[in-house]
Amino acid sequence: MTDNRFSEVHQYLDDAVFLHDCGMAPEMVVVKLYHAMVYALFELLGVRRGGMTQAEAIAGFDAGFVKKGIFPVEKYNTIHRAYGLRNFCGCTQKITVSDDDVVELTPKVREFVESIEAYLISEKVIKP
């Protein structure tokens, strides 16, 4: 893996903040926040593009890192919350996402990303 994926992670996070600051729909912001976390997980799990579904990555994070005490359960709860707020095309029941959801989730996502990045740096998987 390369540090390149974390460039994408930070770009998704920056995009989410920008979209929120511009008053874009909270659903759009949550998608960016969610992708920041998923790409961080893919890097953590050493997954090449297309090698794992997002749900598998979340489950792998839980089994390999949360349940082993490497990351606290709050990190799992954060990604699970964002996962639940996403809207899928063609879904019959649209999920309502509020500005409050975005305000609550954004700092947690930033902390999530920073903690995974710090762990990968400490394990010498990526460079600071």
Protein backbone atom coordinates (compact mmCIF):
# COMPACT_ATOMS: atom_id res chain seq x y z
CA MET A 1 0.00 0.00 0.00
CA THR A 2 1.06 3.57 -0.44
CA ASP A 3 0.45 6.81 1.41
CA ASN A 4 -1.54 7.78 -1.68
CA ARG A 5 -4.75 6.34 -0.25
CA PHE A 6 -4.50 8.65 2.74
CA SER A 7 -4.33 11.57 0.33
CA GLU A 8 -7.74 10.40 -0.87
CA VAL A 9 -8.95 9.95 2.70
CA HIS A 10 -8.03 13.52 3.58
CA GLN A 11 -9.53 14.80 0.34
CA TYR A 12 -12.87 13.16 1.15
CA LEU A 13 -12.78 14.70 4.61
CA ASP A 14 -11.89 18.15 3.24
CA ASP A 15 -14.63 17.83 0.61
CA ALA A 16 -17.18 16.98 3.31
CA VAL A 17 -16.28 20.06 5.34
CA PHE A 18 -16.36 22.24 2.22
CA LEU A 19 -19.75 20.90 1.13
CA HIS A 20 -21.18 21.40 4.60
CA ASP A 21 -19.79 24.95 4.78
CA CYS A 22 -21.42 25.67 1.40
CA GLY A 23 -24.79 24.49 2.66
CA MET A 24 -24.98 21.36 0.54
CA ALA A 25 -27.42 18.60 1.42
CA PRO A 26 -26.40 16.67 4.53
CA GLU A 27 -26.78 13.41 2.59
CA MET A 28 -23.97 14.48 0.25
CA VAL A 29 -21.74 15.41 3.17
CA VAL A 30 -22.31 12.08 4.92
CA VAL A 31 -21.30 10.19 1.77
CA LYS A 32 -17.96 12.03 1.75
CA LEU A 33 -17.45 11.41 5.48
CA TYR A 34 -18.27 7.74 5.04
CA HIS A 35 -15.83 7.35 2.15
CA ALA A 36 -13.05 8.95 4.19
CA MET A 37 -13.54 6.22 6.79
CA VAL A 38 -13.88 3.37 4.30
CA TYR A 39 -10.69 4.29 2.46
CA ALA A 40 -8.88 4.53 5.80
CA LEU A 41 -10.16 1.04 6.61
CA PHE A 42 -9.04 -0.32 3.26
CA GLU A 43 -5.55 1.03 3.97
CA LEU A 44 -5.61 -0.41 7.50
CA LEU A 45 -6.66 -3.82 6.20
CA GLY A 46 -4.19 -3.73 3.30
CA VAL A 47 -6.96 -4.08 0.73
CA ARG A 48 -6.27 -3.37 -2.90
CA ARG A 49 -8.97 -1.60 -4.86
CA GLY A 50 -11.93 -3.86 -5.45
CA GLY A 51 -10.59 -6.56 -3.16
CA MET A 52 -13.24 -6.28 -0.45
CA THR A 53 -16.72 -4.87 -0.05
CA GLN A 54 -17.30 -1.97 2.30
CA ALA A 55 -19.35 -4.17 4.62
CA GLU A 56 -16.53 -6.73 4.71
CA ALA A 57 -14.04 -3.99 5.57
CA ILE A 58 -16.21 -2.81 8.46
CA ALA A 59 -16.58 -6.38 9.72
CA GLY A 60 -12.83 -6.93 9.34
CA PHE A 61 -12.13 -3.78 11.34
CA ASP A 62 -14.44 -4.99 14.10
CA ALA A 63 -12.99 -8.52 14.23
CA GLY A 64 -9.34 -7.66 13.68
CA PHE A 65 -8.96 -4.41 15.58
CA VAL A 66 -11.91 -3.49 17.80
CA LYS A 67 -12.53 -6.87 19.40
CA LYS A 68 -8.77 -7.23 19.98
CA GLY A 69 -8.70 -3.88 21.79
CA ILE A 70 -6.47 -2.10 19.27
CA PHE A 71 -9.20 0.47 18.60
CA PRO A 72 -12.07 1.34 20.97
CA VAL A 73 -15.62 0.32 20.15
CA GLU A 74 -16.51 3.99 19.61
CA LYS A 75 -14.55 3.87 16.35
CA TYR A 76 -16.69 0.97 15.15
CA ASN A 77 -19.82 2.84 16.26
CA THR A 78 -18.78 5.88 14.23
CA ILE A 79 -18.39 4.02 10.96
CA HIS A 80 -21.49 1.97 11.63
CA ARG A 81 -23.46 5.20 12.18
CA ALA A 82 -22.21 6.72 8.91
CA TYR A 83 -22.92 3.44 7.11
CA GLY A 84 -26.50 3.59 8.36
CA LEU A 85 -26.99 7.19 7.22
CA ARG A 86 -26.07 6.55 3.60
CA ASN A 87 -28.84 6.50 1.03
CA PHE A 88 -28.70 3.96 -1.75
CA CYS A 89 -30.07 4.59 -5.21
CA GLY A 90 -33.29 2.71 -5.72
CA CYS A 91 -34.02 2.24 -2.04
CA THR A 92 -37.68 2.32 -1.20
CA GLN A 93 -37.29 4.13 2.10
CA LYS A 94 -35.12 7.23 1.98
CA ILE A 95 -33.03 7.84 5.09
CA THR A 96 -33.34 11.35 6.47
CA VAL A 97 -30.01 12.95 7.31
CA SER A 98 -30.00 16.20 9.23
CA ASP A 99 -27.46 18.95 9.63
CA ASP A 100 -27.19 17.83 13.27
CA ASP A 101 -26.07 14.39 12.04
CA VAL A 102 -23.29 16.02 10.02
CA VAL A 103 -22.21 18.27 12.90
CA GLU A 104 -22.09 15.27 15.25
CA LEU A 105 -20.32 12.96 12.81
CA THR A 106 -17.64 15.24 11.33
CA PRO A 107 -15.29 15.47 14.34
CA LYS A 108 -15.75 11.77 15.03
CA VAL A 109 -14.79 10.93 11.45
CA ARG A 110 -11.74 13.18 11.66
CA GLU A 111 -10.71 11.41 14.88
CA PHE A 112 -11.37 8.02 13.27
CA VAL A 113 -9.17 8.84 10.28
CA GLU A 114 -6.41 10.36 12.41
CA SER A 115 -6.34 7.36 14.75
CA ILE A 116 -6.02 4.88 11.89
CA GLU A 117 -3.36 6.98 10.22
CA ALA A 118 -1.41 7.27 13.51
CA TYR A 119 -1.65 3.51 14.01
CA LEU A 120 -0.36 2.81 10.50
CA ILE A 121 2.52 5.24 11.02
CA SER A 122 3.38 3.61 14.36
CA GLU A 123 3.37 0.20 12.68
CA LYS A 124 5.56 1.61 9.86
CA VAL A 125 2.96 0.74 7.22
CA ILE A 126 2.88 4.31 5.95
CA LYS A 127 5.26 7.24 6.34
CA PRO A 128 4.36 10.31 8.41
